Amino acid sequence: MEKLVVTAKGQVVIPARLRKKYGIKRGRQITFCEKGGEIIIRPLTDEYIRAIAGIAGTKGKLLKALQEEKSRNALYEGRSSMPHMCDKK
């Protein structure tokens, strides 16, 4: 367990070893949720997007829009590849 300090703006720095382990780089989208009195932070991955596909009842439109946004973000960051529910994992 690592201790982090929250800034006046509510920001924390994710330790480098965890960023590297989970592929969290500048611009990466992450998800936050609460479960059992804890805050869970997860990188937004294609696997997660596929896992929740259908929940919103958009018949794949939301999935396509999210994947397109991730592709645009990847191009913006100079990457060509794209790298939850709280009860997942």
PDB file of N, CA and C in Angstrom:
ATOM      1  N   MET A   1       0.849  -1.164   0.000  1.00  0.00           N
ATOM      2  CA  MET A   1       0.000   0.000   0.000  1.00  0.00           C
ATOM      3  C   MET A   1       0.898   1.231   0.000  1.00  0.00           C
ATOM      4  N   GLU A   2       0.503   2.204  -0.797  1.00  0.00           N
ATOM      5  CA  GLU A   2       1.272   3.437  -0.872  1.00  0.00           C
ATOM      6  C   GLU A   2       0.412   4.610  -0.439  1.00  0.00           C
ATOM      7  N   LYS A   3       1.028   5.551   0.255  1.00  0.00           N
ATOM      8  CA  LYS A   3       0.313   6.759   0.673  1.00  0.00           C
ATOM      9  C   LYS A   3       0.475   7.821  -0.392  1.00  0.00           C
ATOM     10  N   LEU A   4      -0.615   8.522  -0.682  1.00  0.00           N
ATOM     11  CA  LEU A   4      -0.585   9.619  -1.633  1.00  0.00           C
ATOM     12  C   LEU A   4      -1.129  10.859  -0.955  1.00  0.00           C
ATOM     13  N   VAL A   5      -0.707  12.017  -1.423  1.00  0.00           N
ATOM     14  CA  VAL A   5      -1.189  13.279  -0.886  1.00  0.00           C
ATOM     15  C   VAL A   5      -2.117  13.908  -1.920  1.00  0.00           C
ATOM     16  N   VAL A   6      -3.256  14.369  -1.474  1.00  0.00           N
ATOM     17  CA  VAL A   6      -4.212  15.025  -2.355  1.00  0.00           C
ATOM     18  C   VAL A   6      -3.899  16.517  -2.382  1.00  0.00           C
ATOM     19  N   THR A   7      -3.815  17.082  -3.596  1.00  0.00           N
ATOM     20  CA  THR A   7      -3.522  18.514  -3.731  1.00  0.00           C
ATOM     21  C   THR A   7      -4.781  19.331  -3.467  1.00  0.00           C
ATOM     22  N   ALA A   8      -4.616  20.637  -3.441  1.00  0.00           N
ATOM     23  CA  ALA A   8      -5.754  21.534  -3.241  1.00  0.00           C
ATOM     24  C   ALA A   8      -6.796  21.381  -4.341  1.00  0.00           C
ATOM     25  N   LYS A   9      -6.375  20.934  -5.523  1.00  0.00           N
ATOM     26  CA  LYS A   9      -7.296  20.722  -6.645  1.00  0.00           C
ATOM     27  C   LYS A   9      -7.901  19.317  -6.636  1.00  0.00           C
ATOM     28  N   GLY A  10      -7.583  18.522  -5.631  1.00  0.00           N
ATOM     29  CA  GLY A  10      -8.125  17.163  -5.551  1.00  0.00           C
ATOM     30  C   GLY A  10      -7.345  16.153  -6.382  1.00  0.00           C
ATOM     31  N   GLN A  11      -6.133  16.481  -6.773  1.00  0.00           N
ATOM     32  CA  GLN A  11      -5.319  15.609  -7.617  1.00  0.00           C
ATOM     33  C   GLN A  11      -4.392  14.735  -6.788  1.00  0.00           C
ATOM     34  N   VAL A  12      -4.095  13.556  -7.323  1.00  0.00           N
ATOM     35  CA  VAL A  12      -3.082  12.676  -6.749  1.00  0.00           C
ATOM     36  C   VAL A  12      -2.174  12.212  -7.879  1.00  0.00           C
ATOM     37  N   VAL A  13      -0.975  11.808  -7.538  1.00  0.00           N
ATOM     38  CA  VAL A  13      -0.043  11.262  -8.523  1.00  0.00           C
ATOM     39  C   VAL A  13      -0.036   9.751  -8.354  1.00  0.00           C
ATOM     40  N   ILE A  14      -0.344   9.046  -9.441  1.00  0.00           N
ATOM     41  CA  ILE A  14      -0.293   7.582  -9.410  1.00  0.00           C
ATOM     42  C   ILE A  14       1.181   7.199  -9.480  1.00  0.00           C
ATOM     43  N   PRO A  15       1.652   6.373  -8.548  1.00  0.00           N
ATOM     44  CA  PRO A  15       3.070   6.003  -8.534  1.00  0.00           C
ATOM     45  C   PRO A  15       3.524   5.428  -9.879  1.00  0.00           C
ATOM     46  N   ALA A  16       4.766   5.741 -10.265  1.00  0.00           N
ATOM     47  CA  ALA A  16       5.312   5.343 -11.567  1.00  0.00           C
ATOM     48  C   ALA A  16       5.217   3.846 -11.805  1.00  0.00           C
ATOM     49  N   ARG A  17       5.484   3.030 -10.795  1.00  0.00           N
ATOM     50  CA  ARG A  17       5.454   1.577 -11.012  1.00  0.00           C
ATOM     51  C   ARG A  17       4.048   1.099 -11.355  1.00  0.00           C
ATOM     52  N   LEU A  18       3.022   1.737 -10.791  1.00  0.00           N
ATOM     53  CA  LEU A  18       1.646   1.356 -11.113  1.00  0.00           C
ATOM     54  C   LEU A  18       1.236   1.875 -12.489  1.00  0.00           C
ATOM     55  N   ARG A  19       1.680   3.079 -12.844  1.00  0.00           N
ATOM     56  CA  ARG A  19       1.388   3.611 -14.179  1.00  0.00           C
ATOM     57  C   ARG A  19       1.985   2.704 -15.243  1.00  0.00           C
ATOM     58  N   LYS A  20       3.215   2.273 -15.009  1.00  0.00           N
ATOM     59  CA  LYS A  20       3.894   1.402 -15.972  1.00  0.00           C
ATOM     60  C   LYS A  20       3.196   0.048 -16.045  1.00  0.00           C
ATOM     61  N   LYS A  21       2.881  -0.518 -14.889  1.00  0.00           N
ATOM     62  CA  LYS A  21       2.250  -1.842 -14.833  1.00  0.00           C
ATOM     63  C   LYS A  21       0.911  -1.862 -15.571  1.00  0.00           C
ATOM     64  N   TYR A  22       0.132  -0.796 -15.463  1.00  0.00           N
ATOM     65  CA  TYR A  22      -1.208  -0.758 -16.050  1.00  0.00           C
ATOM     66  C   TYR A  22      -1.287   0.069 -17.325  1.00  0.00           C
ATOM     67  N   GLY A  23      -0.148   0.485 -17.858  1.00  0.00           N
ATOM     68  CA  GLY A  23      -0.121   1.200 -19.128  1.00  0.00           C
ATOM     69  C   GLY A  23      -0.802   2.551 -19.082  1.00  0.00           C
ATOM     70  N   ILE A  24      -0.716   3.219 -17.948  1.00  0.00           N
ATOM     71  CA  ILE A  24      -1.344   4.529 -17.803  1.00  0.00           C
ATOM     72  C   ILE A  24      -0.325   5.592 -18.180  1.00  0.00           C
ATOM     73  N   LYS A  25      -0.579   6.218 -19.331  1.00  0.00           N
ATOM     74  CA  LYS A  25       0.304   7.270 -19.823  1.00  0.00           C
ATOM     75  C   LYS A  25      -0.485   8.563 -19.932  1.00  0.00           C
ATOM     76  N   ARG A  26       0.203   9.637 -20.211  1.00  0.00           N
ATOM     77  CA  ARG A  26      -0.445  10.940 -20.362  1.00  0.00           C
ATOM     78  C   ARG A  26      -1.596  10.837 -21.360  1.00  0.00           C
ATOM     79  N   GLY A  27      -2.742  11.334 -20.966  1.00  0.00           N
ATOM     80  CA  GLY A  27      -3.903  11.315 -21.840  1.00  0.00           C
ATOM     81  C   GLY A  27      -4.759  10.067 -21.740  1.00  0.00           C
ATOM     82  N   ARG A  28      -4.274   9.034 -21.051  1.00  0.00           N
ATOM     83  CA  ARG A  28      -5.046   7.785 -20.924  1.00  0.00           C
ATOM     84  C   ARG A  28      -6.295   8.071 -20.116  1.00  0.00           C
ATOM     85  N   GLN A  29      -7.418   7.566 -20.562  1.00  0.00           N
ATOM     86  CA  GLN A  29      -8.651   7.719 -19.805  1.00  0.00           C
ATOM     87  C   GLN A  29      -8.731   6.605 -18.766  1.00  0.00           C
ATOM     88  N   ILE A  30      -9.209   6.966 -17.592  1.00  0.00           N
ATOM     89  CA  ILE A  30      -9.383   5.984 -16.531  1.00  0.00           C
ATOM     90  C   ILE A  30     -10.797   6.110 -15.977  1.00  0.00           C
ATOM     91  N   THR A  31     -11.234   5.084 -15.274  1.00  0.00           N
ATOM     92  CA  THR A  31     -12.555   5.108 -14.666  1.00  0.00           C
ATOM     93  C   THR A  31     -12.406   5.124 -13.152  1.00  0.00           C
ATOM     94  N   PHE A  32     -13.354   5.766 -12.499  1.00  0.00           N
ATOM     95  CA  PHE A  32     -13.431   5.790 -11.042  1.00  0.00           C
ATOM     96  C   PHE A  32     -14.792   5.250 -10.660  1.00  0.00           C
ATOM     97  N   CYS A  33     -14.849   4.440  -9.632  1.00  0.00           N
ATOM     98  CA  CYS A  33     -16.141   4.039  -9.090  1.00  0.00           C
ATOM     99  C   CYS A  33     -15.956   3.721  -7.600  1.00  0.00           C
ATOM    100  N   GLU A  34     -17.074   3.671  -6.923  1.00  0.00           N
ATOM    101  CA  GLU A  34     -17.068   3.330  -5.495  1.00  0.00           C
ATOM    102  C   GLU A  34     -17.628   1.932  -5.333  1.00  0.00           C
ATOM    103  N   LYS A  35     -17.021   1.179  -4.443  1.00  0.00           N
ATOM    104  CA  LYS A  35     -17.518  -0.165  -4.142  1.00  0.00           C
ATOM    105  C   LYS A  35     -17.074  -0.529  -2.733  1.00  0.00           C
ATOM    106  N   GLY A  36     -18.022  -0.849  -1.912  1.00  0.00           N
ATOM    107  CA  GLY A  36     -17.694  -1.282  -0.557  1.00  0.00           C
ATOM    108  C   GLY A  36     -16.891  -0.268   0.227  1.00  0.00           C
ATOM    109  N   GLY A  37     -17.186   1.021   0.053  1.00  0.00           N
ATOM    110  CA  GLY A  37     -16.480   2.046   0.803  1.00  0.00           C
ATOM    111  C   GLY A  37     -15.094   2.361   0.277  1.00  0.00           C
ATOM    112  N   GLU A  38     -14.747   1.864  -0.914  1.00  0.00           N
ATOM    113  CA  GLU A  38     -13.444   2.130  -1.513  1.00  0.00           C
ATOM    114  C   GLU A  38     -13.620   2.804  -2.860  1.00  0.00           C
ATOM    115  N   ILE A  39     -12.596   3.499  -3.296  1.00  0.00           N
ATOM    116  CA  ILE A  39     -12.573   4.090  -4.626  1.00  0.00           C
ATOM    117  C   ILE A  39     -11.699   3.196  -5.492  1.00  0.00           C
ATOM    118  N   ILE A  40     -12.263   2.772  -6.618  1.00  0.00           N
ATOM    119  CA  ILE A  40     -11.537   1.894  -7.538  1.00  0.00           C
ATOM    120  C   ILE A  40     -11.195   2.702  -8.787  1.00  0.00           C
ATOM    121  N   ILE A  41      -9.934   2.653  -9.180  1.00  0.00           N
ATOM    122  CA  ILE A  41      -9.448   3.359 -10.363  1.00  0.00           C
ATOM    123  C   ILE A  41      -8.960   2.297 -11.347  1.00  0.00           C
ATOM    124  N   ARG A  42      -9.464   2.377 -12.598  1.00  0.00           N
ATOM    125  CA  ARG A  42      -9.031   1.420 -13.623  1.00  0.00           C
ATOM    126  C   ARG A  42      -8.795   2.144 -14.935  1.00  0.00           C
ATOM    127  N   PRO A  43      -7.770   1.715 -15.699  1.00  0.00           N
ATOM    128  CA  PRO A  43      -7.583   2.291 -17.028  1.00  0.00           C
ATOM    129  C   PRO A  43      -8.746   1.884 -17.924  1.00  0.00           C
ATOM    130  N   LEU A  44      -9.176   2.770 -18.800  1.00  0.00           N
ATOM    131  CA  LEU A  44     -10.241   2.474 -19.742  1.00  0.00           C
ATOM    132  C   LEU A  44      -9.613   1.727 -20.915  1.00  0.00           C
ATOM    133  N   THR A  45      -9.913   0.443 -21.029  1.00  0.00           N
ATOM    134  CA  THR A  45      -9.324  -0.409 -22.063  1.00  0.00           C
ATOM    135  C   THR A  45     -10.398  -0.902 -23.015  1.00  0.00           C
ATOM    136  N   ASP A  46      -9.969  -1.423 -24.157  1.00  0.00           N
ATOM    137  CA  ASP A  46     -10.910  -2.010 -25.112  1.00  0.00           C
ATOM    138  C   ASP A  46     -11.670  -3.170 -24.480  1.00  0.00           C
ATOM    139  N   GLU A  47     -10.987  -3.958 -23.653  1.00  0.00           N
ATOM    140  CA  GLU A  47     -11.634  -5.095 -23.004  1.00  0.00           C
ATOM    141  C   GLU A  47     -12.783  -4.625 -22.121  1.00  0.00           C
ATOM    142  N   TYR A  48     -12.560  -3.553 -21.404  1.00  0.00           N
ATOM    143  CA  TYR A  48     -13.614  -3.006 -20.549  1.00  0.00           C
ATOM    144  C   TYR A  48     -14.785  -2.513 -21.389  1.00  0.00           C
ATOM    145  N   ILE A  49     -14.480  -1.802 -22.453  1.00  0.00           N
ATOM    146  CA  ILE A  49     -15.533  -1.278 -23.316  1.00  0.00           C
ATOM    147  C   ILE A  49     -16.362  -2.428 -23.878  1.00  0.00           C
ATOM    148  N   ARG A  50     -15.698  -3.511 -24.324  1.00  0.00           N
ATOM    149  CA  ARG A  50     -16.438  -4.670 -24.848  1.00  0.00           C
ATOM    150  C   ARG A  50     -17.274  -5.328 -23.757  1.00  0.00           C
ATOM    151  N   ALA A  51     -16.735  -5.372 -22.530  1.00  0.00           N
ATOM    152  CA  ALA A  51     -17.442  -6.015 -21.421  1.00  0.00           C
ATOM    153  C   ALA A  51     -18.741  -5.292 -21.073  1.00  0.00           C
ATOM    154  N   ILE A  52     -18.769  -3.976 -21.243  1.00  0.00           N
ATOM    155  CA  ILE A  52     -19.975  -3.240 -20.885  1.00  0.00           C
ATOM    156  C   ILE A  52     -20.861  -2.944 -22.088  1.00  0.00           C
ATOM    157  N   ALA A  53     -20.430  -3.387 -23.264  1.00  0.00           N
ATOM    158  CA  ALA A  53     -21.237  -3.157 -24.470  1.00  0.00           C
ATOM    159  C   ALA A  53     -22.619  -3.756 -24.263  1.00  0.00           C
ATOM    160  N   GLY A  54     -23.629  -3.016 -24.614  1.00  0.00           N
ATOM    161  CA  GLY A  54     -25.002  -3.506 -24.475  1.00  0.00           C
ATOM    162  C   GLY A  54     -25.695  -3.009 -23.228  1.00  0.00           C
ATOM    163  N   ILE A  55     -24.960  -2.599 -22.221  1.00  0.00           N
ATOM    164  CA  ILE A  55     -25.568  -2.126 -20.979  1.00  0.00           C
ATOM    165  C   ILE A  55     -26.401  -0.872 -21.228  1.00  0.00           C
ATOM    166  N   ALA A  56     -25.898   0.010 -22.084  1.00  0.00           N
ATOM    167  CA  ALA A  56     -26.597   1.270 -22.338  1.00  0.00           C
ATOM    168  C   ALA A  56     -27.760   1.112 -23.319  1.00  0.00           C
ATOM    169  N   GLY A  57     -27.890  -0.048 -23.953  1.00  0.00           N
ATOM    170  CA  GLY A  57     -28.981  -0.275 -24.884  1.00  0.00           C
ATOM    171  C   GLY A  57     -28.846   0.517 -26.172  1.00  0.00           C
ATOM    172  N   THR A  58     -27.598   0.772 -26.614  1.00  0.00           N
ATOM    173  CA  THR A  58     -27.397   1.561 -27.829  1.00  0.00           C
ATOM    174  C   THR A  58     -27.091   0.689 -29.039  1.00  0.00           C
ATOM    175  N   LYS A  59     -27.168  -0.614 -28.879  1.00  0.00           N
ATOM    176  CA  LYS A  59     -26.932  -1.566 -29.971  1.00  0.00           C
ATOM    177  C   LYS A  59     -25.574  -1.371 -30.641  1.00  0.00           C
ATOM    178  N   GLY A  60     -24.566  -1.135 -29.844  1.00  0.00           N
ATOM    179  CA  GLY A  60     -23.203  -1.021 -30.351  1.00  0.00           C
ATOM    180  C   GLY A  60     -22.776   0.382 -30.740  1.00  0.00           C
ATOM    181  N   LYS A  61     -23.703   1.333 -30.791  1.00  0.00           N
ATOM    182  CA  LYS A  61     -23.339   2.698 -31.192  1.00  0.00           C
ATOM    183  C   LYS A  61     -22.394   3.334 -30.181  1.00  0.00           C
ATOM    184  N   LEU A  62     -22.647   3.106 -28.898  1.00  0.00           N
ATOM    185  CA  LEU A  62     -21.781   3.669 -27.858  1.00  0.00           C
ATOM    186  C   LEU A  62     -20.392   3.050 -27.940  1.00  0.00           C
ATOM    187  N   LEU A  63     -20.328   1.735 -28.127  1.00  0.00           N
ATOM    188  CA  LEU A  63     -19.040   1.055 -28.259  1.00  0.00           C
ATOM    189  C   LEU A  63     -18.247   1.641 -29.420  1.00  0.00           C
ATOM    190  N   LYS A  64     -18.894   1.813 -30.559  1.00  0.00           N
ATOM    191  CA  LYS A  64     -18.218   2.368 -31.736  1.00  0.00           C
ATOM    192  C   LYS A  64     -17.726   3.786 -31.460  1.00  0.00           C
ATOM    193  N   ALA A  65     -18.557   4.599 -30.835  1.00  0.00           N
ATOM    194  CA  ALA A  65     -18.170   5.973 -30.526  1.00  0.00           C
ATOM    195  C   ALA A  65     -16.974   6.013 -29.574  1.00  0.00           C
ATOM    196  N   LEU A  66     -16.977   5.156 -28.557  1.00  0.00           N
ATOM    197  CA  LEU A  66     -15.855   5.112 -27.610  1.00  0.00           C
ATOM    198  C   LEU A  66     -14.571   4.662 -28.294  1.00  0.00           C
ATOM    199  N   GLN A  67     -14.685   3.659 -29.179  1.00  0.00           N
ATOM    200  CA  GLN A  67     -13.492   3.182 -29.881  1.00  0.00           C
ATOM    201  C   GLN A  67     -12.948   4.260 -30.825  1.00  0.00           C
ATOM    202  N   GLU A  68     -13.846   4.996 -31.484  1.00  0.00           N
ATOM    203  CA  GLU A  68     -13.396   6.077 -32.353  1.00  0.00           C
ATOM    204  C   GLU A  68     -12.701   7.173 -31.552  1.00  0.00           C
ATOM    205  N   GLU A  69     -13.255   7.494 -30.391  1.00  0.00           N
ATOM    206  CA  GLU A  69     -12.631   8.508 -29.539  1.00  0.00           C
ATOM    207  C   GLU A  69     -11.252   8.055 -29.083  1.00  0.00           C
ATOM    208  N   LYS A  70     -11.130   6.788 -28.710  1.00  0.00           N
ATOM    209  CA  LYS A  70      -9.834   6.260 -28.284  1.00  0.00           C
ATOM    210  C   LYS A  70      -8.838   6.314 -29.436  1.00  0.00           C
ATOM    211  N   SER A  71      -9.286   6.022 -30.654  1.00  0.00           N
ATOM    212  CA  SER A  71      -8.405   6.087 -31.816  1.00  0.00           C
ATOM    213  C   SER A  71      -7.922   7.513 -32.046  1.00  0.00           C
ATOM    214  N   ARG A  72      -8.832   8.469 -31.939  1.00  0.00           N
ATOM    215  CA  ARG A  72      -8.440   9.877 -32.096  1.00  0.00           C
ATOM    216  C   ARG A  72      -7.429  10.271 -31.030  1.00  0.00           C
ATOM    217  N   ASN A  73      -7.669   9.842 -29.787  1.00  0.00           N
ATOM    218  CA  ASN A  73      -6.743  10.160 -28.701  1.00  0.00           C
ATOM    219  C   ASN A  73      -5.377   9.537 -28.957  1.00  0.00           C
ATOM    220  N   ALA A  74      -5.367   8.301 -29.450  1.00  0.00           N
ATOM    221  CA  ALA A  74      -4.109   7.613 -29.727  1.00  0.00           C
ATOM    222  C   ALA A  74      -3.330   8.349 -30.811  1.00  0.00           C
ATOM    223  N   LEU A  75      -4.026   8.798 -31.856  1.00  0.00           N
ATOM    224  CA  LEU A  75      -3.350   9.551 -32.917  1.00  0.00           C
ATOM    225  C   LEU A  75      -2.808  10.868 -32.383  1.00  0.00           C
ATOM    226  N   TYR A  76      -3.591  11.527 -31.529  1.00  0.00           N
ATOM    227  CA  TYR A  76      -3.180  12.791 -30.939  1.00  0.00           C
ATOM    228  C   TYR A  76      -1.906  12.620 -30.115  1.00  0.00           C
ATOM    229  N   GLU A  77      -1.810  11.481 -29.431  1.00  0.00           N
ATOM    230  CA  GLU A  77      -0.651  11.227 -28.576  1.00  0.00           C
ATOM    231  C   GLU A  77       0.508  10.597 -29.343  1.00  0.00           C
ATOM    232  N   GLY A  78       0.321  10.346 -30.635  1.00  0.00           N
ATOM    233  CA  GLY A  78       1.396   9.760 -31.421  1.00  0.00           C
ATOM    234  C   GLY A  78       1.472   8.255 -31.304  1.00  0.00           C
ATOM    235  N   ARG A  79       0.399   7.619 -30.860  1.00  0.00           N
ATOM    236  CA  ARG A  79       0.356   6.157 -30.760  1.00  0.00           C
ATOM    237  C   ARG A  79      -0.598   5.655 -31.826  1.00  0.00           C
ATOM    238  N   SER A  80      -0.325   4.474 -32.348  1.00  0.00           N
ATOM    239  CA  SER A  80      -1.230   3.925 -33.346  1.00  0.00           C
ATOM    240  C   SER A  80      -2.100   2.820 -32.766  1.00  0.00           C
ATOM    241  N   SER A  81      -1.760   2.237 -31.619  1.00  0.00           N
ATOM    242  CA  SER A  81      -2.558   1.154 -31.061  1.00  0.00           C
ATOM    243  C   SER A  81      -3.322   1.631 -29.837  1.00  0.00           C
ATOM    244  N   MET A  82      -4.412   0.951 -29.568  1.00  0.00           N
ATOM    245  CA  MET A  82      -5.204   1.296 -28.399  1.00  0.00           C
ATOM    246  C   MET A  82      -4.934   0.264 -27.276  1.00  0.00           C
ATOM    247  N   PRO A  83      -4.649   0.650 -26.288  1.00  0.00           N
ATOM    248  CA  PRO A  83      -4.217  -0.436 -25.323  1.00  0.00           C
ATOM    249  C   PRO A  83      -5.078  -1.564 -25.501  1.00  0.00           C
ATOM    250  N   HIS A  84     -15.946  -0.668 -16.972  1.00  0.00           N
ATOM    251  CA  HIS A  84     -15.640  -1.642 -15.960  1.00  0.00           C
ATOM    252  C   HIS A  84     -16.648  -1.538 -14.832  1.00  0.00           C
ATOM    253  N   MET A  85     -16.740  -2.226 -15.196  1.00  0.00           N
ATOM    254  CA  MET A  85     -17.676  -2.176 -14.086  1.00  0.00           C
ATOM    255  C   MET A  85     -16.863  -2.447 -12.826  1.00  0.00           C
ATOM    256  N   CYS A  86     -17.340  -1.936 -11.697  1.00  0.00           N
ATOM    257  CA  CYS A  86     -16.621  -2.154 -10.440  1.00  0.00           C
ATOM    258  C   CYS A  86     -16.597  -3.622 -10.083  1.00  0.00           C
ATOM    259  N   ASP A  87     -17.600  -4.405 -10.532  1.00  0.00           N
ATOM    260  CA  ASP A  87     -17.584  -5.803 -10.146  1.00  0.00           C
ATOM    261  C   ASP A  87     -16.686  -6.645 -11.035  1.00  0.00           C
ATOM    262  N   LYS A  88     -16.097  -6.082 -12.057  1.00  0.00           N
ATOM    263  CA  LYS A  88     -15.182  -6.844 -12.910  1.00  0.00           C
ATOM    264  C   LYS A  88     -13.857  -6.979 -12.212  1.00  0.00           C
ATOM    265  N   LYS A  89     -13.147  -8.061 -12.510  1.00  0.00           N
ATOM    266  CA  LYS A  89     -11.820  -8.418 -11.971  1.00  0.00           C
ATOM    267  C   LYS A  89     -11.919  -8.979 -10.593  1.00  0.00           C
TER     268      LYS A  89
END
